[in-house]
């Protein structure tokens, strides 16, 4: 499968960052773009949606902590398995789906996760 050869260089870098995020932690689309020093949240989101199926995609999230529409159940399985901090959904929230607790779950690329070197 020559799939990796077809990957645009930016997408490859985005996926490398996604693979660095430790279990139980998340980075926002904007965090990933900032880490790379290139692009923005939309470019990261596009790279993840097109090429991110083979990496821990559930660890790259929206800044508001809302789960990716259409992927909530699969993401919740991963979050529960990894112990990712969640906030209970408000009763008014559609479907009562919890959100990520961004204050506790957000990873800045710093220590405690093994190799914290930037790409």
PDB file of N, CA and C in Angstrom:
ATOM      1  N   UNK A   1       0.831  -1.199   0.000  1.00  0.00           N
ATOM      2  CA  UNK A   1       0.000   0.000   0.000  1.00  0.00           C
ATOM      3  C   UNK A   1       0.862   1.244   0.000  1.00  0.00           C
ATOM      4  N   UNK A   2       0.860   2.001  -1.029  1.00  0.00           N
ATOM      5  CA  UNK A   2       1.637   3.212  -1.129  1.00  0.00           C
ATOM      6  C   UNK A   2       0.948   4.410  -0.519  1.00  0.00           C
ATOM      7  N   UNK A   3       0.022   4.202   0.402  1.00  0.00           N
ATOM      8  CA  UNK A   3      -0.767   5.275   0.992  1.00  0.00           C
ATOM      9  C   UNK A   3       0.101   6.383   1.615  1.00  0.00           C
ATOM     10  N   UNK A   4       1.117   6.021   2.380  1.00  0.00           N
ATOM     11  CA  UNK A   4       1.946   7.028   3.033  1.00  0.00           C
ATOM     12  C   UNK A   4       2.655   7.918   2.010  1.00  0.00           C
ATOM     13  N   UNK A   5       2.987   7.369   0.863  1.00  0.00           N
ATOM     14  CA  UNK A   5       3.653   8.159  -0.162  1.00  0.00           C
ATOM     15  C   UNK A   5       2.721   9.230  -0.725  1.00  0.00           C
ATOM     16  N   UNK A   6       1.400   8.966  -0.699  1.00  0.00           N
ATOM     17  CA  UNK A   6       0.435   9.907  -1.250  1.00  0.00           C
ATOM     18  C   UNK A   6       0.119  11.038  -0.278  1.00  0.00           C
ATOM     19  N   UNK A   7       0.511  10.884   0.974  1.00  0.00           N
ATOM     20  CA  UNK A   7       0.188  11.849   2.008  1.00  0.00           C
ATOM     21  C   UNK A   7       0.893  13.172   1.777  1.00  0.00           C
ATOM     22  N   UNK A   8       0.141  14.261   1.768  1.00  0.00           N
ATOM     23  CA  UNK A   8       0.804  15.570   1.689  1.00  0.00           C
ATOM     24  C   UNK A   8       1.696  15.755   2.917  1.00  0.00           C
ATOM     25  N   UNK A   9       2.786  16.482   2.734  1.00  0.00           N
ATOM     26  CA  UNK A   9       3.758  16.662   3.809  1.00  0.00           C
ATOM     27  C   UNK A   9       3.122  17.277   5.055  1.00  0.00           C
ATOM     28  N   UNK A  10       2.250  18.266   4.896  1.00  0.00           N
ATOM     29  CA  UNK A  10       1.599  18.891   6.056  1.00  0.00           C
ATOM     30  C   UNK A  10       0.753  17.872   6.813  1.00  0.00           C
ATOM     31  N   UNK A  11      -0.015  17.070   6.087  1.00  0.00           N
ATOM     32  CA  UNK A  11      -0.855  16.054   6.729  1.00  0.00           C
ATOM     33  C   UNK A  11       0.000  15.058   7.499  1.00  0.00           C
ATOM     34  N   UNK A  12       1.120  14.688   6.937  1.00  0.00           N
ATOM     35  CA  UNK A  12       2.036  13.751   7.601  1.00  0.00           C
ATOM     36  C   UNK A  12       2.516  14.330   8.932  1.00  0.00           C
ATOM     37  N   UNK A  13       2.834  15.619   8.934  1.00  0.00           N
ATOM     38  CA  UNK A  13       3.291  16.281  10.160  1.00  0.00           C
ATOM     39  C   UNK A  13       2.167  16.356  11.189  1.00  0.00           C
ATOM     40  N   UNK A  14       0.944  16.635  10.738  1.00  0.00           N
ATOM     41  CA  UNK A  14      -0.211  16.664  11.646  1.00  0.00           C
ATOM     42  C   UNK A  14      -0.393  15.301  12.307  1.00  0.00           C
ATOM     43  N   UNK A  15      -0.314  14.237  11.513  1.00  0.00           N
ATOM     44  CA  UNK A  15      -0.497  12.881  12.044  1.00  0.00           C
ATOM     45  C   UNK A  15       0.613  12.519  13.026  1.00  0.00           C
ATOM     46  N   UNK A  16       1.832  12.990  12.772  1.00  0.00           N
ATOM     47  CA  UNK A  16       2.933  12.734  13.701  1.00  0.00           C
ATOM     48  C   UNK A  16       2.654  13.370  15.055  1.00  0.00           C
ATOM     49  N   UNK A  17       2.092  14.588  15.059  1.00  0.00           N
ATOM     50  CA  UNK A  17       1.754  15.251  16.317  1.00  0.00           C
ATOM     51  C   UNK A  17       0.649  14.468  17.024  1.00  0.00           C
ATOM     52  N   UNK A  18      -0.368  14.036  16.286  1.00  0.00           N
ATOM     53  CA  UNK A  18      -1.470  13.268  16.890  1.00  0.00           C
ATOM     54  C   UNK A  18      -0.934  12.026  17.596  1.00  0.00           C
ATOM     55  N   UNK A  19       0.073  11.407  17.030  1.00  0.00           N
ATOM     56  CA  UNK A  19       0.643  10.195  17.621  1.00  0.00           C
ATOM     57  C   UNK A  19       1.461  10.487  18.879  1.00  0.00           C
ATOM     58  N   UNK A  20       1.900  11.731  19.071  1.00  0.00           N
ATOM     59  CA  UNK A  20       2.675  12.102  20.252  1.00  0.00           C
ATOM     60  C   UNK A  20       1.791  12.340  21.483  1.00  0.00           C
ATOM     61  N   UNK A  21       0.528  12.653  21.262  1.00  0.00           N
ATOM     62  CA  UNK A  21      -0.357  13.002  22.378  1.00  0.00           C
ATOM     63  C   UNK A  21      -0.571  11.767  23.243  1.00  0.00           C
ATOM     64  N   UNK A  22      -0.269  11.888  24.533  1.00  0.00           N
ATOM     65  CA  UNK A  22      -0.388  10.710  25.406  1.00  0.00           C
ATOM     66  C   UNK A  22      -1.835  10.275  25.619  1.00  0.00           C
ATOM     67  N   UNK A  23      -2.052   9.002  25.904  1.00  0.00           N
ATOM     68  CA  UNK A  23      -3.399   8.523  26.244  1.00  0.00           C
ATOM     69  C   UNK A  23      -3.967   9.332  27.409  1.00  0.00           C
ATOM     70  N   UNK A  24      -5.241   9.665  27.314  1.00  0.00           N
ATOM     71  CA  UNK A  24      -5.903  10.425  28.360  1.00  0.00           C
ATOM     72  C   UNK A  24      -5.747  11.922  28.233  1.00  0.00           C
ATOM     73  N   UNK A  25      -5.053  12.377  27.191  1.00  0.00           N
ATOM     74  CA  UNK A  25      -4.828  13.808  26.964  1.00  0.00           C
ATOM     75  C   UNK A  25      -5.288  14.163  25.557  1.00  0.00           C
ATOM     76  N   UNK A  26      -5.488  15.467  25.307  1.00  0.00           N
ATOM     77  CA  UNK A  26      -5.932  15.939  23.999  1.00  0.00           C
ATOM     78  C   UNK A  26      -5.201  17.230  23.631  1.00  0.00           C
ATOM     79  N   UNK A  27      -5.198  17.530  22.343  1.00  0.00           N
ATOM     80  CA  UNK A  27      -4.769  18.830  21.824  1.00  0.00           C
ATOM     81  C   UNK A  27      -5.876  19.318  20.907  1.00  0.00           C
ATOM     82  N   UNK A  28      -6.070  20.628  20.857  1.00  0.00           N
ATOM     83  CA  UNK A  28      -7.059  21.170  19.934  1.00  0.00           C
ATOM     84  C   UNK A  28      -6.452  21.247  18.529  1.00  0.00           C
ATOM     85  N   UNK A  29      -7.323  21.437  17.548  1.00  0.00           N
ATOM     86  CA  UNK A  29      -6.837  21.617  16.175  1.00  0.00           C
ATOM     87  C   UNK A  29      -5.873  22.804  16.124  1.00  0.00           C
ATOM     88  N   UNK A  30      -6.219  23.879  16.839  1.00  0.00           N
ATOM     89  CA  UNK A  30      -5.360  25.061  16.883  1.00  0.00           C
ATOM     90  C   UNK A  30      -4.033  24.798  17.575  1.00  0.00           C
ATOM     91  N   UNK A  31      -4.071  23.963  18.650  1.00  0.00           N
ATOM     92  CA  UNK A  31      -2.832  23.604  19.341  1.00  0.00           C
ATOM     93  C   UNK A  31      -1.865  22.908  18.393  1.00  0.00           C
ATOM     94  N   UNK A  32      -2.407  21.995  17.587  1.00  0.00           N
ATOM     95  CA  UNK A  32      -1.561  21.241  16.647  1.00  0.00           C
ATOM     96  C   UNK A  32      -0.951  22.193  15.623  1.00  0.00           C
ATOM     97  N   UNK A  33      -1.775  23.118  15.096  1.00  0.00           N
ATOM     98  CA  UNK A  33      -1.262  24.086  14.121  1.00  0.00           C
ATOM     99  C   UNK A  33      -0.170  24.953  14.751  1.00  0.00           C
ATOM    100  N   UNK A  34      -0.391  25.375  16.005  1.00  0.00           N
ATOM    101  CA  UNK A  34       0.600  26.191  16.707  1.00  0.00           C
ATOM    102  C   UNK A  34       1.887  25.401  16.927  1.00  0.00           C
ATOM    103  N   UNK A  35       1.749  24.143  17.311  1.00  0.00           N
ATOM    104  CA  UNK A  35       2.913  23.263  17.527  1.00  0.00           C
ATOM    105  C   UNK A  35       3.755  23.186  16.247  1.00  0.00           C
ATOM    106  N   UNK A  36       3.047  23.040  15.111  1.00  0.00           N
ATOM    107  CA  UNK A  36       3.728  22.925  13.823  1.00  0.00           C
ATOM    108  C   UNK A  36       4.262  24.269  13.325  1.00  0.00           C
ATOM    109  N   UNK A  37       3.691  25.364  13.835  1.00  0.00           N
ATOM    110  CA  UNK A  37       4.081  26.682  13.365  1.00  0.00           C
ATOM    111  C   UNK A  37       3.621  26.943  11.958  1.00  0.00           C
ATOM    112  N   UNK A  38       2.531  26.290  11.572  1.00  0.00           N
ATOM    113  CA  UNK A  38       2.055  26.378  10.193  1.00  0.00           C
ATOM    114  C   UNK A  38       0.579  26.008  10.140  1.00  0.00           C
ATOM    115  N   UNK A  39      -0.162  26.669   9.243  1.00  0.00           N
ATOM    116  CA  UNK A  39      -1.570  26.353   9.068  1.00  0.00           C
ATOM    117  C   UNK A  39      -2.405  26.868  10.226  1.00  0.00           C
ATOM    118  N   UNK A  40      -3.621  26.377  10.297  1.00  0.00           N
ATOM    119  CA  UNK A  40      -4.539  26.778  11.349  1.00  0.00           C
ATOM    120  C   UNK A  40      -5.458  25.623  11.670  1.00  0.00           C
ATOM    121  N   UNK A  41      -6.424  25.865  12.559  1.00  0.00           N
ATOM    122  CA  UNK A  41      -7.327  24.790  12.973  1.00  0.00           C
ATOM    123  C   UNK A  41      -8.040  24.102  11.803  1.00  0.00           C
ATOM    124  N   UNK A  42      -8.462  24.857  10.817  1.00  0.00           N
ATOM    125  CA  UNK A  42      -9.174  24.248   9.678  1.00  0.00           C
ATOM    126  C   UNK A  42      -8.286  23.316   8.867  1.00  0.00           C
ATOM    127  N   UNK A  43      -7.038  23.723   8.661  1.00  0.00           N
ATOM    128  CA  UNK A  43      -6.115  22.872   7.904  1.00  0.00           C
ATOM    129  C   UNK A  43      -5.832  21.580   8.678  1.00  0.00           C
ATOM    130  N   UNK A  44      -5.668  21.704  10.001  1.00  0.00           N
ATOM    131  CA  UNK A  44      -5.436  20.514  10.822  1.00  0.00           C
ATOM    132  C   UNK A  44      -6.666  19.610  10.777  1.00  0.00           C
ATOM    133  N   UNK A  45      -7.845  20.203  10.915  1.00  0.00           N
ATOM    134  CA  UNK A  45      -9.086  19.425  10.863  1.00  0.00           C
ATOM    135  C   UNK A  45      -9.247  18.702   9.537  1.00  0.00           C
ATOM    136  N   UNK A  46      -8.914  19.386   8.467  1.00  0.00           N
ATOM    137  CA  UNK A  46      -9.011  18.754   7.137  1.00  0.00           C
ATOM    138  C   UNK A  46      -8.033  17.583   7.021  1.00  0.00           C
ATOM    139  N   UNK A  47      -6.803  17.780   7.464  1.00  0.00           N
ATOM    140  CA  UNK A  47      -5.809  16.696   7.410  1.00  0.00           C
ATOM    141  C   UNK A  47      -6.283  15.506   8.244  1.00  0.00           C
ATOM    142  N   UNK A  48      -6.835  15.780   9.427  1.00  0.00           N
ATOM    143  CA  UNK A  48      -7.316  14.699  10.289  1.00  0.00           C
ATOM    144  C   UNK A  48      -8.501  13.982   9.647  1.00  0.00           C
ATOM    145  N   UNK A  49      -9.418  14.740   9.042  1.00  0.00           N
ATOM    146  CA  UNK A  49     -10.602  14.090   8.461  1.00  0.00           C
ATOM    147  C   UNK A  49     -10.245  13.245   7.240  1.00  0.00           C
ATOM    148  N   UNK A  50      -9.253  13.665   6.482  1.00  0.00           N
ATOM    149  CA  UNK A  50      -8.881  12.920   5.276  1.00  0.00           C
ATOM    150  C   UNK A  50      -7.927  11.766   5.545  1.00  0.00           C
ATOM    151  N   UNK A  51      -7.010  11.952   6.511  1.00  0.00           N
ATOM    152  CA  UNK A  51      -5.921  10.989   6.668  1.00  0.00           C
ATOM    153  C   UNK A  51      -5.769  10.427   8.084  1.00  0.00           C
ATOM    154  N   UNK A  52      -6.571  10.887   9.037  1.00  0.00           N
ATOM    155  CA  UNK A  52      -6.342  10.577  10.433  1.00  0.00           C
ATOM    156  C   UNK A  52      -6.866   9.260  10.964  1.00  0.00           C
ATOM    157  N   UNK A  53      -7.467   8.431  10.130  1.00  0.00           N
ATOM    158  CA  UNK A  53      -8.053   7.182  10.607  1.00  0.00           C
ATOM    159  C   UNK A  53      -7.081   6.211  11.245  1.00  0.00           C
ATOM    160  N   UNK A  54      -5.802   6.294  10.907  1.00  0.00           N
ATOM    161  CA  UNK A  54      -4.825   5.343  11.423  1.00  0.00           C
ATOM    162  C   UNK A  54      -4.060   5.827  12.646  1.00  0.00           C
ATOM    163  N   UNK A  55      -4.395   7.022  13.138  1.00  0.00           N
ATOM    164  CA  UNK A  55      -3.739   7.569  14.327  1.00  0.00           C
ATOM    165  C   UNK A  55      -4.807   7.803  15.393  1.00  0.00           C
ATOM    166  N   UNK A  56      -4.425   8.125  16.626  1.00  0.00           N
ATOM    167  CA  UNK A  56      -5.428   8.383  17.670  1.00  0.00           C
ATOM    168  C   UNK A  56      -6.166   9.708  17.430  1.00  0.00           C
ATOM    169  N   UNK A  57      -7.058   9.698  16.451  1.00  0.00           N
ATOM    170  CA  UNK A  57      -7.801  10.885  16.016  1.00  0.00           C
ATOM    171  C   UNK A  57      -8.632  11.511  17.139  1.00  0.00           C
ATOM    172  N   UNK A  58      -9.056  10.694  18.096  1.00  0.00           N
ATOM    173  CA  UNK A  58      -9.905  11.191  19.187  1.00  0.00           C
ATOM    174  C   UNK A  58      -9.141  12.110  20.130  1.00  0.00           C
ATOM    175  N   UNK A  59      -7.824  12.187  19.990  1.00  0.00           N
ATOM    176  CA  UNK A  59      -7.007  13.056  20.839  1.00  0.00           C
ATOM    177  C   UNK A  59      -6.801  14.442  20.236  1.00  0.00           C
ATOM    178  N   UNK A  60      -7.285  14.684  19.022  1.00  0.00           N
ATOM    179  CA  UNK A  60      -7.230  16.006  18.396  1.00  0.00           C
ATOM    180  C   UNK A  60      -8.674  16.483  18.315  1.00  0.00           C
ATOM    181  N   UNK A  61      -8.972  17.575  19.053  1.00  0.00           N
ATOM    182  CA  UNK A  61     -10.368  17.917  19.334  1.00  0.00           C
ATOM    183  C   UNK A  61     -10.670  19.394  19.123  1.00  0.00           C
ATOM    184  N   UNK A  62     -11.965  19.698  19.215  1.00  0.00           N
ATOM    185  CA  UNK A  62     -12.417  21.085  19.157  1.00  0.00           C
ATOM    186  C   UNK A  62     -12.054  21.794  20.457  1.00  0.00           C
ATOM    187  N   UNK A  63     -11.802  23.081  20.380  1.00  0.00           N
ATOM    188  CA  UNK A  63     -11.378  23.861  21.550  1.00  0.00           C
ATOM    189  C   UNK A  63     -12.448  23.915  22.635  1.00  0.00           C
ATOM    190  N   UNK A  64     -13.714  23.760  22.266  1.00  0.00           N
ATOM    191  CA  UNK A  64     -14.783  23.832  23.272  1.00  0.00           C
ATOM    192  C   UNK A  64     -15.024  22.496  23.974  1.00  0.00           C
ATOM    193  N   UNK A  65     -14.299  21.463  23.579  1.00  0.00           N
ATOM    194  CA  UNK A  65     -14.434  20.159  24.228  1.00  0.00           C
ATOM    195  C   UNK A  65     -15.592  19.319  23.721  1.00  0.00           C
ATOM    196  N   UNK A  66     -16.355  19.850  22.767  1.00  0.00           N
ATOM    197  CA  UNK A  66     -17.469  19.081  22.201  1.00  0.00           C
ATOM    198  C   UNK A  66     -16.913  17.926  21.371  1.00  0.00           C
ATOM    199  N   UNK A  67     -17.576  16.790  21.446  1.00  0.00           N
ATOM    200  CA  UNK A  67     -17.124  15.614  20.705  1.00  0.00           C
ATOM    201  C   UNK A  67     -17.478  15.754  19.235  1.00  0.00           C
ATOM    202  N   UNK A  68     -16.686  15.130  18.387  1.00  0.00           N
ATOM    203  CA  UNK A  68     -16.844  15.208  16.942  1.00  0.00           C
ATOM    204  C   UNK A  68     -18.183  14.608  16.522  1.00  0.00           C
ATOM    205  N   UNK A  69     -19.072  15.417  15.937  1.00  0.00           N
ATOM    206  CA  UNK A  69     -20.385  14.899  15.536  1.00  0.00           C
ATOM    207  C   UNK A  69     -20.267  13.679  14.630  1.00  0.00           C
ATOM    208  N   UNK A  70     -21.042  12.653  14.967  1.00  0.00           N
ATOM    209  CA  UNK A  70     -21.035  11.419  14.198  1.00  0.00           C
ATOM    210  C   UNK A  70     -20.017  10.407  14.693  1.00  0.00           C
ATOM    211  N   UNK A  71     -19.102  10.848  15.564  1.00  0.00           N
ATOM    212  CA  UNK A  71     -18.052   9.957  16.075  1.00  0.00           C
ATOM    213  C   UNK A  71     -18.051   9.906  17.603  1.00  0.00           C
ATOM    214  N   UNK A  72     -19.118  10.437  18.223  1.00  0.00           N
ATOM    215  CA  UNK A  72     -19.152  10.554  19.675  1.00  0.00           C
ATOM    216  C   UNK A  72     -18.990   9.215  20.382  1.00  0.00           C
ATOM    217  N   UNK A  73     -19.708   8.206  19.924  1.00  0.00           N
ATOM    218  CA  UNK A  73     -19.679   6.917  20.627  1.00  0.00           C
ATOM    219  C   UNK A  73     -18.312   6.259  20.543  1.00  0.00           C
ATOM    220  N   UNK A  74     -17.707   6.277  19.357  1.00  0.00           N
ATOM    221  CA  UNK A  74     -16.370   5.693  19.212  1.00  0.00           C
ATOM    222  C   UNK A  74     -15.354   6.466  20.044  1.00  0.00           C
ATOM    223  N   UNK A  75     -15.467   7.803  20.019  1.00  0.00           N
ATOM    224  CA  UNK A  75     -14.543   8.624  20.805  1.00  0.00           C
ATOM    225  C   UNK A  75     -14.731   8.358  22.296  1.00  0.00           C
ATOM    226  N   UNK A  76     -15.984   8.255  22.761  1.00  0.00           N
ATOM    227  CA  UNK A  76     -16.255   8.017  24.183  1.00  0.00           C
ATOM    228  C   UNK A  76     -15.632   6.703  24.650  1.00  0.00           C
ATOM    229  N   UNK A  77     -15.672   5.684  23.821  1.00  0.00           N
ATOM    230  CA  UNK A  77     -15.036   4.410  24.179  1.00  0.00           C
ATOM    231  C   UNK A  77     -13.553   4.627  24.457  1.00  0.00           C
ATOM    232  N   UNK A  78     -12.893   5.369  23.570  1.00  0.00           N
ATOM    233  CA  UNK A  78     -11.458   5.649  23.742  1.00  0.00           C
ATOM    234  C   UNK A  78     -11.221   6.487  24.997  1.00  0.00           C
ATOM    235  N   UNK A  79     -12.042   7.538  25.196  1.00  0.00           N
ATOM    236  CA  UNK A  79     -11.845   8.415  26.353  1.00  0.00           C
ATOM    237  C   UNK A  79     -12.015   7.639  27.658  1.00  0.00           C
ATOM    238  N   UNK A  80     -13.006   6.779  27.715  1.00  0.00           N
ATOM    239  CA  UNK A  80     -13.233   6.007  28.944  1.00  0.00           C
ATOM    240  C   UNK A  80     -12.093   5.006  29.173  1.00  0.00           C
ATOM    241  N   UNK A  81     -11.650   4.356  28.107  1.00  0.00           N
ATOM    242  CA  UNK A  81     -10.542   3.399  28.220  1.00  0.00           C
ATOM    243  C   UNK A  81      -9.271   4.092  28.692  1.00  0.00           C
ATOM    244  N   UNK A  82      -9.005   5.298  28.160  1.00  0.00           N
ATOM    245  CA  UNK A  82      -7.768   6.013  28.465  1.00  0.00           C
ATOM    246  C   UNK A  82      -7.860   6.880  29.724  1.00  0.00           C
ATOM    247  N   UNK A  83      -9.072   7.030  30.270  1.00  0.00           N
ATOM    248  CA  UNK A  83      -9.238   7.866  31.456  1.00  0.00           C
ATOM    249  C   UNK A  83      -9.153   9.348  31.164  1.00  0.00           C
ATOM    250  N   UNK A  84      -9.560   9.762  29.972  1.00  0.00           N
ATOM    251  CA  UNK A  84      -9.547  11.173  29.595  1.00  0.00           C
ATOM    252  C   UNK A  84     -10.577  11.930  30.439  1.00  0.00           C
ATOM    253  N   UNK A  85     -10.200  13.046  31.071  1.00  0.00           N
ATOM    254  CA  UNK A  85     -11.145  13.801  31.893  1.00  0.00           C
ATOM    255  C   UNK A  85     -12.333  14.319  31.082  1.00  0.00           C
ATOM    256  N   UNK A  86     -13.528  14.054  31.589  1.00  0.00           N
ATOM    257  CA  UNK A  86     -14.764  14.483  30.943  1.00  0.00           C
ATOM    258  C   UNK A  86     -15.583  15.327  31.903  1.00  0.00           C
ATOM    259  N   UNK A  87     -16.452  16.156  31.335  1.00  0.00           N
ATOM    260  CA  UNK A  87     -17.440  16.907  32.115  1.00  0.00           C
ATOM    261  C   UNK A  87     -18.807  16.346  31.771  1.00  0.00           C
ATOM    262  N   UNK A  88     -19.641  16.220  32.755  1.00  0.00           N
ATOM    263  CA  UNK A  88     -20.997  15.736  32.497  1.00  0.00           C
ATOM    264  C   UNK A  88     -21.723  16.708  31.591  1.00  0.00           C
ATOM    265  N   UNK A  89     -22.581  16.163  30.754  1.00  0.00           N
ATOM    266  CA  UNK A  89     -23.365  17.003  29.848  1.00  0.00           C
ATOM    267  C   UNK A  89     -24.426  17.746  30.637  1.00  0.00           C
ATOM    268  N   UNK A  90     -24.712  18.944  30.219  1.00  0.00           N
ATOM    269  CA  UNK A  90     -25.826  19.687  30.802  1.00  0.00           C
ATOM    270  C   UNK A  90     -27.121  19.000  30.390  1.00  0.00           C
ATOM    271  N   UNK A  91     -28.122  19.099  31.241  1.00  0.00           N
ATOM    272  CA  UNK A  91     -29.400  18.450  30.904  1.00  0.00           C
ATOM    273  C   UNK A  91     -29.966  18.987  29.598  1.00  0.00           C
ATOM    274  N   UNK A  92     -29.643  20.243  29.294  1.00  0.00           N
ATOM    275  CA  UNK A  92     -30.151  20.852  28.067  1.00  0.00           C
ATOM    276  C   UNK A  92     -29.375  20.403  26.828  1.00  0.00           C
ATOM    277  N   UNK A  93     -28.219  19.781  27.037  1.00  0.00           N
ATOM    278  CA  UNK A  93     -27.383  19.361  25.908  1.00  0.00           C
ATOM    279  C   UNK A  93     -28.090  18.260  25.120  1.00  0.00           C
ATOM    280  N   UNK A  94     -28.034  18.396  23.824  1.00  0.00           N
ATOM    281  CA  UNK A  94     -28.671  17.420  22.947  1.00  0.00           C
ATOM    282  C   UNK A  94     -28.049  16.045  23.138  1.00  0.00           C
ATOM    283  N   UNK A  95     -28.879  15.070  23.492  1.00  0.00           N
ATOM    284  CA  UNK A  95     -28.403  13.704  23.656  1.00  0.00           C
ATOM    285  C   UNK A  95     -27.608  13.485  24.937  1.00  0.00           C
ATOM    286  N   UNK A  96     -27.466  14.534  25.758  1.00  0.00           N
ATOM    287  CA  UNK A  96     -26.727  14.442  27.033  1.00  0.00           C
ATOM    288  C   UNK A  96     -25.328  13.859  26.849  1.00  0.00           C
ATOM    289  N   UNK A  97     -24.650  14.244  25.777  1.00  0.00           N
ATOM    290  CA  UNK A  97     -23.294  13.750  25.525  1.00  0.00           C
ATOM    291  C   UNK A  97     -22.315  14.586  26.340  1.00  0.00           C
ATOM    292  N   UNK A  98     -21.455  13.926  27.135  1.00  0.00           N
ATOM    293  CA  UNK A  98     -20.458  14.697  27.895  1.00  0.00           C
ATOM    294  C   UNK A  98     -19.495  15.424  26.961  1.00  0.00           C
ATOM    295  N   UNK A  99     -18.799  16.387  27.526  1.00  0.00           N
ATOM    296  CA  UNK A  99     -17.738  17.099  26.813  1.00  0.00           C
ATOM    297  C   UNK A  99     -16.420  16.745  27.477  1.00  0.00           C
ATOM    298  N   UNK A 100     -15.351  17.015  26.767  1.00  0.00           N
ATOM    299  CA  UNK A 100     -14.028  16.866  27.367  1.00  0.00           C
ATOM    300  C   UNK A 100     -13.826  17.968  28.396  1.00  0.00           C
ATOM    301  N   UNK A 101     -13.163  17.655  29.480  1.00  0.00           N
ATOM    302  CA  UNK A 101     -12.785  18.660  30.466  1.00  0.00           C
ATOM    303  C   UNK A 101     -11.455  19.236  29.981  1.00  0.00           C
ATOM    304  N   UNK A 102     -11.543  20.303  29.208  1.00  0.00           N
ATOM    305  CA  UNK A 102     -10.356  20.829  28.530  1.00  0.00           C
ATOM    306  C   UNK A 102      -9.290  21.317  29.500  1.00  0.00           C
ATOM    307  N   UNK A 103      -9.676  21.846  30.656  1.00  0.00           N
ATOM    308  CA  UNK A 103      -8.673  22.311  31.623  1.00  0.00           C
ATOM    309  C   UNK A 103      -7.804  21.162  32.101  1.00  0.00           C
ATOM    310  N   UNK A 104      -8.374  19.994  32.260  1.00  0.00           N
ATOM    311  CA  UNK A 104      -7.624  18.850  32.773  1.00  0.00           C
ATOM    312  C   UNK A 104      -7.070  17.956  31.667  1.00  0.00           C
ATOM    313  N   UNK A 105      -7.721  17.908  30.512  1.00  0.00           N
ATOM    314  CA  UNK A 105      -7.333  16.972  29.456  1.00  0.00           C
ATOM    315  C   UNK A 105      -6.312  17.551  28.470  1.00  0.00           C
ATOM    316  N   UNK A 106      -6.255  18.871  28.363  1.00  0.00           N
ATOM    317  CA  UNK A 106      -5.414  19.498  27.333  1.00  0.00           C
ATOM    318  C   UNK A 106      -3.935  19.266  27.609  1.00  0.00           C
ATOM    319  N   UNK A 107      -3.220  18.861  26.579  1.00  0.00           N
ATOM    320  CA  UNK A 107      -1.792  18.592  26.652  1.00  0.00           C
ATOM    321  C   UNK A 107      -1.040  19.677  25.896  1.00  0.00           C
ATOM    322  N   UNK A 108      -0.003  20.208  26.509  1.00  0.00           N
ATOM    323  CA  UNK A 108       0.758  21.288  25.872  1.00  0.00           C
ATOM    324  C   UNK A 108       2.037  20.797  25.209  1.00  0.00           C
ATOM    325  N   UNK A 109       2.218  19.466  25.173  1.00  0.00           N
ATOM    326  CA  UNK A 109       3.412  18.929  24.551  1.00  0.00           C
ATOM    327  C   UNK A 109       4.575  18.844  25.516  1.00  0.00           C
ATOM    328  N   UNK A 110       4.305  19.164  26.785  1.00  0.00           N
ATOM    329  CA  UNK A 110       5.359  19.172  27.789  1.00  0.00           C
ATOM    330  C   UNK A 110       5.619  17.802  28.387  1.00  0.00           C
ATOM    331  N   UNK A 111       6.471  17.787  29.397  1.00  0.00           N
ATOM    332  CA  UNK A 111       6.958  16.558  30.029  1.00  0.00           C
ATOM    333  C   UNK A 111       5.881  15.654  30.586  1.00  0.00           C
ATOM    334  N   UNK A 112       6.338  14.544  31.122  1.00  0.00           N
ATOM    335  CA  UNK A 112       5.452  13.570  31.709  1.00  0.00           C
ATOM    336  C   UNK A 112       4.874  12.605  30.705  1.00  0.00           C
ATOM    337  N   UNK A 113       5.187  12.799  29.450  1.00  0.00           N
ATOM    338  CA  UNK A 113       4.626  11.935  28.415  1.00  0.00           C
ATOM    339  C   UNK A 113       5.731  11.268  27.617  1.00  0.00           C
ATOM    340  N   UNK A 114       6.852  11.043  28.276  1.00  0.00           N
ATOM    341  CA  UNK A 114       7.966  10.450  27.534  1.00  0.00           C
ATOM    342  C   UNK A 114       8.694  11.529  26.779  1.00  0.00           C
ATOM    343  N   UNK A 115       8.874  11.338  25.498  1.00  0.00           N
ATOM    344  CA  UNK A 115       9.615  12.292  24.680  1.00  0.00           C
ATOM    345  C   UNK A 115       8.739  13.497  24.365  1.00  0.00           C
ATOM    346  N   UNK A 116       9.143  14.666  24.805  1.00  0.00           N
ATOM    347  CA  UNK A 116       8.346  15.859  24.560  1.00  0.00           C
ATOM    348  C   UNK A 116       8.997  16.766  23.531  1.00  0.00           C
ATOM    349  N   UNK A 117       9.948  16.270  22.792  1.00  0.00           N
ATOM    350  CA  UNK A 117      10.637  17.082  21.790  1.00  0.00           C
ATOM    351  C   UNK A 117       9.685  17.447  20.651  1.00  0.00           C
ATOM    352  N   UNK A 118       9.805  18.685  20.206  1.00  0.00           N
ATOM    353  CA  UNK A 118       8.993  19.114  19.059  1.00  0.00           C
ATOM    354  C   UNK A 118       9.493  18.441  17.789  1.00  0.00           C
ATOM    355  N   UNK A 119       8.594  18.343  16.858  1.00  0.00           N
ATOM    356  CA  UNK A 119       8.920  17.733  15.563  1.00  0.00           C
ATOM    357  C   UNK A 119       9.710  18.727  14.748  1.00  0.00           C
TER     358      UNK A 119
END
